[in-house]
N, C-alpha and C. Protein backbone atom coordinates (compact mmCIF):
# COMPACT_ATOMS: atom_id res chain seq x y z
N MET A 1 0.93 -1.19 -0.03
CA MET A 1 -0.04 0.00 0.00
C MET A 1 0.96 1.22 -0.05
N LYS A 2 0.71 2.21 -0.97
CA LYS A 2 1.38 3.38 -1.04
C LYS A 2 0.65 4.49 -0.16
N LEU A 3 1.29 5.08 0.80
CA LEU A 3 0.76 6.09 1.69
C LEU A 3 1.39 7.40 1.35
N ARG A 4 0.59 8.50 1.48
CA ARG A 4 1.06 9.85 1.37
C ARG A 4 0.38 10.73 2.42
N ILE A 5 1.06 11.72 2.91
CA ILE A 5 0.62 12.60 3.89
C ILE A 5 0.62 14.00 3.43
N GLY A 6 -0.47 14.69 3.68
CA GLY A 6 -0.55 16.14 3.32
C GLY A 6 -0.88 17.04 4.53
N SER A 7 -0.44 18.21 4.44
CA SER A 7 -0.66 19.20 5.51
C SER A 7 -1.25 20.48 4.92
N GLY A 8 -2.12 21.08 5.64
CA GLY A 8 -2.88 22.26 5.18
C GLY A 8 -2.99 23.19 6.38
N TYR A 9 -2.92 24.54 6.04
CA TYR A 9 -3.05 25.55 7.00
C TYR A 9 -3.80 26.76 6.39
N ASP A 10 -4.65 27.40 7.14
CA ASP A 10 -5.43 28.52 6.61
C ASP A 10 -5.74 29.45 7.70
N VAL A 11 -5.93 30.71 7.38
CA VAL A 11 -6.32 31.72 8.26
C VAL A 11 -7.34 32.65 7.69
N HIS A 12 -8.35 33.09 8.46
CA HIS A 12 -9.37 34.03 8.07
C HIS A 12 -9.63 35.13 9.15
N ARG A 13 -9.81 36.34 8.75
CA ARG A 13 -10.02 37.39 9.66
C ARG A 13 -11.49 37.31 10.11
N LEU A 14 -11.69 37.66 11.39
CA LEU A 14 -13.06 37.78 11.86
C LEU A 14 -13.56 39.13 11.61
N VAL A 15 -14.82 39.15 11.13
CA VAL A 15 -15.52 40.49 10.78
C VAL A 15 -16.95 40.40 11.18
N SER A 16 -17.59 41.55 11.26
CA SER A 16 -19.06 41.62 11.52
C SER A 16 -19.83 41.33 10.32
N ASP A 17 -21.00 41.00 10.46
CA ASP A 17 -22.01 40.82 9.37
C ASP A 17 -21.73 39.60 8.61
N ARG A 18 -21.06 38.52 9.14
CA ARG A 18 -20.93 37.25 8.46
C ARG A 18 -21.34 36.10 9.43
N LYS A 19 -21.75 35.01 8.93
CA LYS A 19 -21.93 33.86 9.66
C LYS A 19 -20.60 33.20 10.00
N LEU A 20 -20.43 32.61 11.10
CA LEU A 20 -19.24 31.89 11.50
C LEU A 20 -19.57 30.39 11.16
N ILE A 21 -18.78 29.89 10.17
CA ILE A 21 -18.91 28.50 9.70
C ILE A 21 -17.54 27.78 9.86
N ILE A 22 -17.43 26.81 10.67
CA ILE A 22 -16.22 26.03 10.83
C ILE A 22 -16.63 24.62 10.79
N GLY A 23 -15.85 23.91 9.89
CA GLY A 23 -16.14 22.43 9.68
C GLY A 23 -17.46 22.16 9.21
N GLY A 24 -18.07 23.10 8.50
CA GLY A 24 -19.36 22.94 7.94
C GLY A 24 -20.59 23.14 8.92
N VAL A 25 -20.19 23.67 10.12
CA VAL A 25 -21.16 23.90 11.23
C VAL A 25 -21.32 25.42 11.31
N ILE A 26 -22.52 25.90 11.40
CA ILE A 26 -22.80 27.29 11.67
C ILE A 26 -22.74 27.41 13.27
N ILE A 27 -21.76 28.35 13.71
CA ILE A 27 -21.58 28.56 15.19
C ILE A 27 -22.17 29.96 15.50
N PRO A 28 -22.98 29.94 16.62
CA PRO A 28 -23.48 31.19 17.04
C PRO A 28 -22.37 32.09 17.67
N PHE A 29 -22.12 33.24 17.01
CA PHE A 29 -21.05 34.17 17.36
C PHE A 29 -21.34 35.57 16.76
N GLU A 30 -20.87 36.56 17.41
CA GLU A 30 -21.06 37.96 16.96
C GLU A 30 -20.35 38.33 15.72
N LYS A 31 -19.40 37.49 15.33
CA LYS A 31 -18.63 37.66 14.07
C LYS A 31 -18.54 36.47 13.23
N GLY A 32 -18.11 36.55 12.00
CA GLY A 32 -17.87 35.50 11.10
C GLY A 32 -16.52 35.71 10.44
N LEU A 33 -16.12 34.71 9.59
CA LEU A 33 -14.93 34.82 8.83
C LEU A 33 -15.06 35.44 7.49
N LYS A 34 -14.08 36.30 7.22
CA LYS A 34 -14.12 37.01 5.91
C LYS A 34 -13.52 36.23 4.91
N GLY A 35 -14.11 36.04 3.74
CA GLY A 35 -13.65 35.28 2.65
C GLY A 35 -14.55 35.33 1.43
N HIS A 36 -14.05 34.89 0.29
CA HIS A 36 -14.77 34.85 -1.02
C HIS A 36 -15.90 33.84 -0.93
N SER A 37 -15.62 32.59 -0.42
CA SER A 37 -16.52 31.58 -0.21
C SER A 37 -17.13 31.76 1.17
N ASP A 38 -17.62 30.62 1.73
CA ASP A 38 -18.19 30.80 3.12
C ASP A 38 -17.08 31.02 4.16
N ALA A 39 -15.84 30.96 3.70
CA ALA A 39 -14.59 31.18 4.60
C ALA A 39 -14.40 30.21 5.70
N ASP A 40 -14.82 28.94 5.48
CA ASP A 40 -14.71 27.84 6.41
C ASP A 40 -13.17 27.56 6.53
N VAL A 41 -12.60 28.10 7.47
CA VAL A 41 -11.13 27.98 7.72
C VAL A 41 -10.69 26.47 7.87
N LEU A 42 -11.41 25.73 8.62
CA LEU A 42 -11.12 24.36 8.86
C LEU A 42 -11.18 23.56 7.48
N VAL A 43 -12.26 23.77 6.71
CA VAL A 43 -12.37 22.95 5.56
C VAL A 43 -11.39 23.41 4.51
N HIS A 44 -11.01 24.72 4.46
CA HIS A 44 -10.00 25.13 3.56
C HIS A 44 -8.64 24.50 3.87
N ALA A 45 -8.32 24.48 5.20
CA ALA A 45 -6.99 23.75 5.54
C ALA A 45 -7.10 22.30 5.16
N LEU A 46 -8.22 21.73 5.33
CA LEU A 46 -8.36 20.37 4.93
C LEU A 46 -8.22 20.11 3.47
N CYS A 47 -8.80 20.95 2.67
CA CYS A 47 -8.65 20.93 1.19
C CYS A 47 -7.20 21.02 0.81
N ASP A 48 -6.50 21.93 1.37
CA ASP A 48 -5.02 22.08 1.13
C ASP A 48 -4.30 20.80 1.52
N ALA A 49 -4.61 20.16 2.65
CA ALA A 49 -3.97 18.94 3.04
C ALA A 49 -4.22 17.81 2.09
N ILE A 50 -5.44 17.59 1.59
CA ILE A 50 -5.88 16.66 0.66
C ILE A 50 -5.15 16.86 -0.60
N LEU A 51 -5.26 18.02 -1.24
CA LEU A 51 -4.60 18.29 -2.44
C LEU A 51 -3.09 18.10 -2.33
N GLY A 52 -2.52 18.64 -1.28
CA GLY A 52 -1.09 18.41 -1.12
C GLY A 52 -0.67 17.00 -0.94
N ALA A 53 -1.36 16.22 -0.33
CA ALA A 53 -0.98 14.76 -0.23
C ALA A 53 -0.92 14.13 -1.55
N ALA A 54 -1.73 14.51 -2.50
CA ALA A 54 -1.65 13.98 -3.88
C ALA A 54 -0.84 14.72 -4.84
N GLY A 55 -0.16 15.78 -4.35
CA GLY A 55 0.77 16.62 -5.23
C GLY A 55 -0.09 17.39 -6.22
N LEU A 56 -1.33 17.91 -5.82
CA LEU A 56 -2.17 18.60 -6.71
C LEU A 56 -2.24 20.17 -6.43
N GLY A 57 -1.32 20.68 -5.76
CA GLY A 57 -1.31 22.07 -5.46
C GLY A 57 -2.16 22.45 -4.30
N ASP A 58 -2.80 23.60 -4.38
CA ASP A 58 -3.58 24.04 -3.29
C ASP A 58 -4.94 24.56 -3.65
N ILE A 59 -5.77 24.88 -2.69
CA ILE A 59 -7.17 25.32 -2.84
C ILE A 59 -7.28 26.57 -3.85
N GLY A 60 -6.38 27.55 -3.66
CA GLY A 60 -6.28 28.71 -4.52
C GLY A 60 -6.10 28.39 -5.92
N ARG A 61 -5.36 27.42 -6.25
CA ARG A 61 -5.01 27.03 -7.65
C ARG A 61 -6.31 26.45 -8.33
N HIS A 62 -7.10 25.69 -7.58
CA HIS A 62 -8.29 25.06 -8.16
C HIS A 62 -9.60 25.85 -8.02
N PHE A 63 -9.68 26.69 -6.98
CA PHE A 63 -10.92 27.47 -6.74
C PHE A 63 -10.49 28.90 -6.38
N PRO A 64 -10.00 29.66 -7.35
CA PRO A 64 -9.48 31.05 -7.05
C PRO A 64 -10.56 31.97 -6.63
N ASP A 65 -10.12 32.90 -5.66
CA ASP A 65 -11.06 33.73 -5.15
C ASP A 65 -11.44 34.94 -6.12
N SER A 66 -10.72 34.91 -7.19
CA SER A 66 -11.08 35.84 -8.27
C SER A 66 -12.28 35.33 -9.18
N ASP A 67 -12.65 34.09 -9.04
CA ASP A 67 -13.74 33.48 -9.90
C ASP A 67 -15.07 33.67 -9.10
N PRO A 68 -15.94 34.41 -9.69
CA PRO A 68 -17.35 34.65 -9.08
C PRO A 68 -18.06 33.34 -8.86
N VAL A 69 -17.74 32.30 -9.55
CA VAL A 69 -18.42 30.94 -9.39
C VAL A 69 -18.38 30.51 -7.86
N TYR A 70 -17.26 30.89 -7.29
CA TYR A 70 -17.09 30.48 -5.87
C TYR A 70 -17.46 31.50 -4.86
N LYS A 71 -18.03 32.57 -5.23
CA LYS A 71 -18.57 33.52 -4.22
C LYS A 71 -19.62 32.88 -3.32
N ASP A 72 -19.39 32.88 -2.02
CA ASP A 72 -20.27 32.36 -1.03
C ASP A 72 -20.58 30.94 -1.05
N ILE A 73 -19.84 30.19 -1.89
CA ILE A 73 -19.97 28.68 -2.01
C ILE A 73 -19.72 28.00 -0.73
N SER A 74 -20.41 27.01 -0.42
CA SER A 74 -20.11 26.11 0.74
C SER A 74 -18.73 25.42 0.55
N SER A 75 -17.92 25.59 1.51
CA SER A 75 -16.60 24.88 1.44
C SER A 75 -16.76 23.41 1.47
N LEU A 76 -17.80 22.83 1.90
CA LEU A 76 -17.96 21.41 1.83
C LEU A 76 -18.13 20.92 0.39
N ILE A 77 -18.66 21.79 -0.50
CA ILE A 77 -18.69 21.52 -1.93
C ILE A 77 -17.34 21.41 -2.45
N LEU A 78 -16.46 22.41 -2.08
CA LEU A 78 -15.06 22.40 -2.48
C LEU A 78 -14.31 21.25 -1.94
N LEU A 79 -14.56 20.80 -0.77
CA LEU A 79 -14.00 19.65 -0.15
C LEU A 79 -14.39 18.42 -1.00
N LYS A 80 -15.60 18.20 -1.30
CA LYS A 80 -15.97 17.04 -2.21
C LYS A 80 -15.21 17.02 -3.53
N ARG A 81 -15.09 18.16 -4.07
CA ARG A 81 -14.36 18.32 -5.39
C ARG A 81 -12.87 17.94 -5.16
N CYS A 82 -12.34 18.34 -4.07
CA CYS A 82 -10.83 17.99 -3.77
C CYS A 82 -10.80 16.52 -3.62
N VAL A 83 -11.64 15.86 -2.96
CA VAL A 83 -11.60 14.38 -2.73
C VAL A 83 -11.78 13.67 -4.10
N ASN A 84 -12.72 14.24 -4.93
CA ASN A 84 -12.84 13.61 -6.27
C ASN A 84 -11.59 13.69 -7.01
N MET A 85 -10.80 14.79 -7.01
CA MET A 85 -9.57 14.98 -7.64
C MET A 85 -8.50 13.87 -7.24
N VAL A 86 -8.47 13.73 -5.88
CA VAL A 86 -7.57 12.72 -5.28
C VAL A 86 -7.97 11.34 -5.76
N GLU A 87 -9.29 11.13 -5.78
CA GLU A 87 -9.68 9.75 -6.08
C GLU A 87 -9.42 9.46 -7.57
N GLU A 88 -9.48 10.45 -8.45
CA GLU A 88 -9.13 10.26 -9.80
C GLU A 88 -7.67 9.98 -9.98
N GLN A 89 -6.80 10.32 -9.10
CA GLN A 89 -5.45 9.96 -9.05
C GLN A 89 -5.18 8.56 -8.48
N GLY A 90 -6.31 7.89 -8.01
CA GLY A 90 -6.23 6.56 -7.51
C GLY A 90 -6.01 6.51 -5.98
N TYR A 91 -6.23 7.52 -5.31
CA TYR A 91 -6.13 7.55 -3.88
C TYR A 91 -7.40 7.61 -3.10
N CYS A 92 -7.35 7.19 -1.92
CA CYS A 92 -8.57 7.39 -0.99
C CYS A 92 -8.07 7.95 0.35
N ILE A 93 -8.94 8.66 1.11
CA ILE A 93 -8.67 9.20 2.41
C ILE A 93 -8.69 8.15 3.39
N GLU A 94 -7.65 7.97 4.14
CA GLU A 94 -7.52 7.12 5.29
C GLU A 94 -7.94 7.81 6.61
N ASN A 95 -7.30 8.88 6.97
CA ASN A 95 -7.79 9.55 8.13
C ASN A 95 -7.38 11.00 8.13
N ILE A 96 -8.04 11.82 8.97
CA ILE A 96 -7.79 13.31 9.01
C ILE A 96 -7.68 13.68 10.49
N ASP A 97 -6.79 14.53 10.63
CA ASP A 97 -6.67 15.20 11.95
C ASP A 97 -6.53 16.67 11.81
N CYS A 98 -7.27 17.48 12.54
CA CYS A 98 -7.35 18.88 12.34
C CYS A 98 -7.32 19.62 13.64
N THR A 99 -6.84 20.82 13.64
CA THR A 99 -6.86 21.71 14.81
C THR A 99 -7.30 23.06 14.53
N VAL A 100 -8.25 23.67 15.18
CA VAL A 100 -8.74 25.04 14.99
C VAL A 100 -8.10 25.75 16.15
N PHE A 101 -7.58 27.00 15.76
CA PHE A 101 -6.99 27.98 16.71
C PHE A 101 -7.83 29.14 16.85
N ALA A 102 -8.56 29.26 17.99
CA ALA A 102 -9.43 30.38 18.19
C ALA A 102 -9.58 30.62 19.68
N GLN A 103 -9.40 31.97 20.02
CA GLN A 103 -9.60 32.39 21.41
C GLN A 103 -11.12 32.22 21.83
N ALA A 104 -11.90 32.61 20.86
CA ALA A 104 -13.37 32.52 21.03
C ALA A 104 -13.95 32.45 19.65
N PRO A 105 -15.13 31.72 19.46
CA PRO A 105 -15.92 31.21 20.51
C PRO A 105 -15.34 29.78 21.02
N ARG A 106 -15.96 29.33 22.08
CA ARG A 106 -15.51 27.94 22.55
C ARG A 106 -16.10 26.94 21.60
N LEU A 107 -15.25 26.16 21.01
CA LEU A 107 -15.67 25.16 19.99
C LEU A 107 -15.96 23.71 20.43
N GLU A 108 -15.66 23.42 21.65
CA GLU A 108 -15.89 22.04 22.17
C GLU A 108 -17.28 21.53 21.79
N PRO A 109 -18.33 22.29 22.02
CA PRO A 109 -19.71 21.74 21.76
C PRO A 109 -19.94 21.44 20.27
N TYR A 110 -19.09 21.87 19.41
CA TYR A 110 -19.45 21.67 18.07
C TYR A 110 -18.44 20.68 17.20
N LYS A 111 -17.47 20.24 18.04
CA LYS A 111 -16.40 19.42 17.32
C LYS A 111 -17.00 18.17 16.71
N GLN A 112 -17.84 17.45 17.51
CA GLN A 112 -18.38 16.14 17.00
C GLN A 112 -19.20 16.40 15.73
N ASP A 113 -19.92 17.42 15.74
CA ASP A 113 -20.83 17.83 14.55
C ASP A 113 -19.82 18.08 13.40
N MET A 114 -18.79 18.80 13.59
CA MET A 114 -17.78 19.11 12.54
C MET A 114 -17.23 17.79 11.87
N GLU A 115 -16.88 16.89 12.82
CA GLU A 115 -16.32 15.66 12.36
C GLU A 115 -17.39 14.89 11.46
N HIS A 116 -18.74 14.82 11.93
CA HIS A 116 -19.68 14.18 11.05
C HIS A 116 -19.96 14.87 9.86
N LYS A 117 -19.96 16.15 9.82
CA LYS A 117 -20.16 16.96 8.53
C LYS A 117 -19.04 16.68 7.56
N ILE A 118 -17.80 16.72 8.00
CA ILE A 118 -16.70 16.42 7.12
C ILE A 118 -16.65 15.01 6.59
N ALA A 119 -16.90 14.14 7.55
CA ALA A 119 -17.03 12.69 7.12
C ALA A 119 -18.10 12.45 6.06
N ALA A 120 -19.21 13.03 6.28
CA ALA A 120 -20.38 12.80 5.39
C ALA A 120 -19.99 13.49 4.05
N ALA A 121 -19.33 14.61 3.99
CA ALA A 121 -19.04 15.28 2.79
C ALA A 121 -18.12 14.43 1.84
N ILE A 122 -17.18 13.72 2.58
CA ILE A 122 -16.08 12.97 1.89
C ILE A 122 -16.40 11.41 1.82
N GLU A 123 -17.54 11.08 2.50
CA GLU A 123 -18.04 9.69 2.50
C GLU A 123 -16.96 8.71 3.11
N ILE A 124 -16.57 9.15 4.27
CA ILE A 124 -15.74 8.19 5.09
C ILE A 124 -16.38 8.11 6.52
N SER A 125 -15.85 7.18 7.33
CA SER A 125 -16.41 7.04 8.66
C SER A 125 -15.99 8.24 9.57
N SER A 126 -16.90 8.80 10.40
CA SER A 126 -16.60 9.86 11.20
C SER A 126 -15.50 9.47 12.26
N GLU A 127 -15.30 8.20 12.46
CA GLU A 127 -14.12 7.75 13.30
C GLU A 127 -12.76 8.04 12.60
N SER A 128 -12.85 8.33 11.43
CA SER A 128 -11.59 8.61 10.65
C SER A 128 -11.24 10.08 10.58
N VAL A 129 -12.11 10.88 11.29
CA VAL A 129 -11.97 12.32 11.24
C VAL A 129 -11.82 12.86 12.74
N ASN A 130 -10.75 13.45 13.03
CA ASN A 130 -10.61 14.13 14.30
C ASN A 130 -10.42 15.66 14.24
N VAL A 131 -11.21 16.30 15.11
CA VAL A 131 -11.19 17.79 15.08
C VAL A 131 -10.81 18.21 16.57
N LYS A 132 -9.79 18.95 16.67
CA LYS A 132 -9.45 19.54 17.95
C LYS A 132 -9.59 20.99 17.90
N ALA A 133 -9.66 21.73 19.10
CA ALA A 133 -9.70 23.09 19.11
C ALA A 133 -8.83 23.62 20.27
N THR A 134 -8.19 24.70 20.18
CA THR A 134 -7.33 25.24 21.17
C THR A 134 -7.28 26.85 21.11
N THR A 135 -7.05 27.31 22.21
CA THR A 135 -6.87 28.81 22.28
C THR A 135 -5.39 28.97 22.09
N THR A 136 -5.08 30.27 21.98
CA THR A 136 -3.54 30.57 21.93
C THR A 136 -3.26 31.34 23.18
N GLU A 137 -3.95 31.09 24.32
CA GLU A 137 -3.64 31.64 25.61
C GLU A 137 -3.54 33.26 25.41
N GLY A 138 -4.35 33.81 24.56
CA GLY A 138 -4.37 35.29 24.36
C GLY A 138 -3.26 35.78 23.48
N LEU A 139 -2.42 34.96 22.93
CA LEU A 139 -1.29 35.35 22.20
C LEU A 139 -1.71 35.42 20.63
N GLY A 140 -0.98 36.35 19.94
CA GLY A 140 -1.16 36.37 18.46
C GLY A 140 -2.51 36.97 18.02
N PHE A 141 -2.72 36.86 16.67
CA PHE A 141 -3.92 37.35 16.09
C PHE A 141 -5.24 36.63 16.54
N GLU A 142 -4.98 35.26 16.77
CA GLU A 142 -6.16 34.53 17.36
C GLU A 142 -6.53 34.93 18.74
N GLY A 143 -5.49 35.10 19.56
CA GLY A 143 -5.63 35.49 20.93
C GLY A 143 -6.28 36.86 21.11
N ARG A 144 -6.00 37.75 20.10
CA ARG A 144 -6.55 39.08 20.16
C ARG A 144 -7.96 39.10 19.55
N GLY A 145 -8.39 37.93 19.09
CA GLY A 145 -9.79 37.97 18.42
C GLY A 145 -9.86 38.48 17.13
N GLU A 146 -8.76 38.68 16.39
CA GLU A 146 -8.73 39.25 14.98
C GLU A 146 -9.03 38.11 13.94
N GLY A 147 -8.85 36.89 14.19
CA GLY A 147 -9.04 35.93 13.27
C GLY A 147 -8.97 34.49 13.83
N ILE A 148 -9.16 33.55 12.98
CA ILE A 148 -9.16 32.12 13.36
C ILE A 148 -8.38 31.34 12.31
N ALA A 149 -7.56 30.45 12.79
CA ALA A 149 -6.62 29.62 12.02
C ALA A 149 -6.97 28.18 12.16
N ALA A 150 -6.55 27.44 11.21
CA ALA A 150 -6.78 25.94 11.27
C ALA A 150 -5.62 25.22 10.60
N HIS A 151 -5.28 24.09 11.19
CA HIS A 151 -4.26 23.20 10.51
C HIS A 151 -4.86 21.78 10.33
N ALA A 152 -4.59 21.14 9.28
CA ALA A 152 -5.05 19.83 8.92
C ALA A 152 -3.99 18.92 8.42
N VAL A 153 -4.04 17.71 8.74
CA VAL A 153 -3.13 16.67 8.33
C VAL A 153 -3.99 15.44 7.81
N VAL A 154 -3.65 14.98 6.72
CA VAL A 154 -4.48 13.94 6.03
C VAL A 154 -3.47 12.83 5.56
N LEU A 155 -3.94 11.54 5.74
CA LEU A 155 -3.28 10.40 5.24
C LEU A 155 -4.13 9.82 4.04
N ILE A 156 -3.44 9.66 2.86
CA ILE A 156 -4.19 8.98 1.79
C ILE A 156 -3.39 7.76 1.37
N SER A 157 -4.07 6.83 0.81
CA SER A 157 -3.43 5.60 0.34
C SER A 157 -3.88 5.39 -1.17
N LYS A 158 -2.97 4.71 -1.80
CA LYS A 158 -3.27 4.35 -3.20
C LYS A 158 -4.28 3.17 -3.16
N ILE A 159 -5.27 3.39 -3.93
CA ILE A 159 -6.36 2.40 -3.98
C ILE A 159 -5.79 1.18 -4.77
N SER A 160 -5.84 0.03 -4.10
CA SER A 160 -5.31 -1.25 -4.84
C SER A 160 -6.40 -1.70 -5.81
N SER A 161 -5.94 -2.41 -6.86
CA SER A 161 -6.93 -2.91 -7.78
C SER A 161 -7.84 -3.96 -7.09
N LEU A 162 -7.41 -4.65 -6.14
CA LEU A 162 -8.25 -5.47 -5.35
C LEU A 162 -9.39 -4.73 -4.63
N ARG A 163 -8.94 -3.57 -4.04
CA ARG A 163 -9.91 -2.70 -3.36
C ARG A 163 -10.94 -2.08 -4.27
N LEU A 164 -10.32 -1.67 -5.50
CA LEU A 164 -11.25 -1.15 -6.59
C LEU A 164 -12.28 -2.11 -6.97
N ASN A 165 -11.91 -3.35 -7.18
CA ASN A 165 -12.80 -4.42 -7.68
C ASN A 165 -13.93 -4.66 -6.64
N ALA A 166 -13.53 -4.68 -5.36
CA ALA A 166 -14.49 -5.00 -4.25
C ALA A 166 -15.47 -3.84 -4.24
N THR A 167 -15.06 -2.52 -4.36
CA THR A 167 -15.92 -1.37 -4.33
C THR A 167 -16.81 -1.38 -5.55
N SER A 168 -16.34 -1.67 -6.73
CA SER A 168 -17.18 -1.56 -7.88
C SER A 168 -18.32 -2.72 -7.90
N SER A 169 -17.97 -3.83 -7.16
CA SER A 169 -18.99 -4.92 -7.19
C SER A 169 -20.11 -4.78 -6.12
N ASP A 170 -19.92 -3.77 -5.21
CA ASP A 170 -20.97 -3.48 -4.23
C ASP A 170 -22.25 -2.83 -4.81
């Protein structure tokens, strides 16, 4: 089995008059993340990790913020497209580990829902998706409440012909 690892990182500024969407989950908060799409910082980091693992560049290359097609699009749609690109290269997602860096809001109550939304979007078991959240102890732009960052790591494996045949006969 051929394994590859990808890493992704993303940052978005917090602004008024936007919904806060992280991991596909709308989180009640007085600010949201600024971006061309829905600005889902976690899913953007995950897209970069998935694309990077397969050597396919990054999210900006495939879904540029200069393209009006992606204005306010759900990042979960972009995630599905990234997974399709990786699958076309003969890979499948084995597992995902992500961390969101935010001083506020508290994300603990939403992490399991994020894991389920991400897993459903890419059609893997939610047990293969792990979402963590941490503050920065008041340090940096996250600590000052200026923005939120996320980091994601993904493991992909080459789909064997045996595995492909078993999938296609189901």
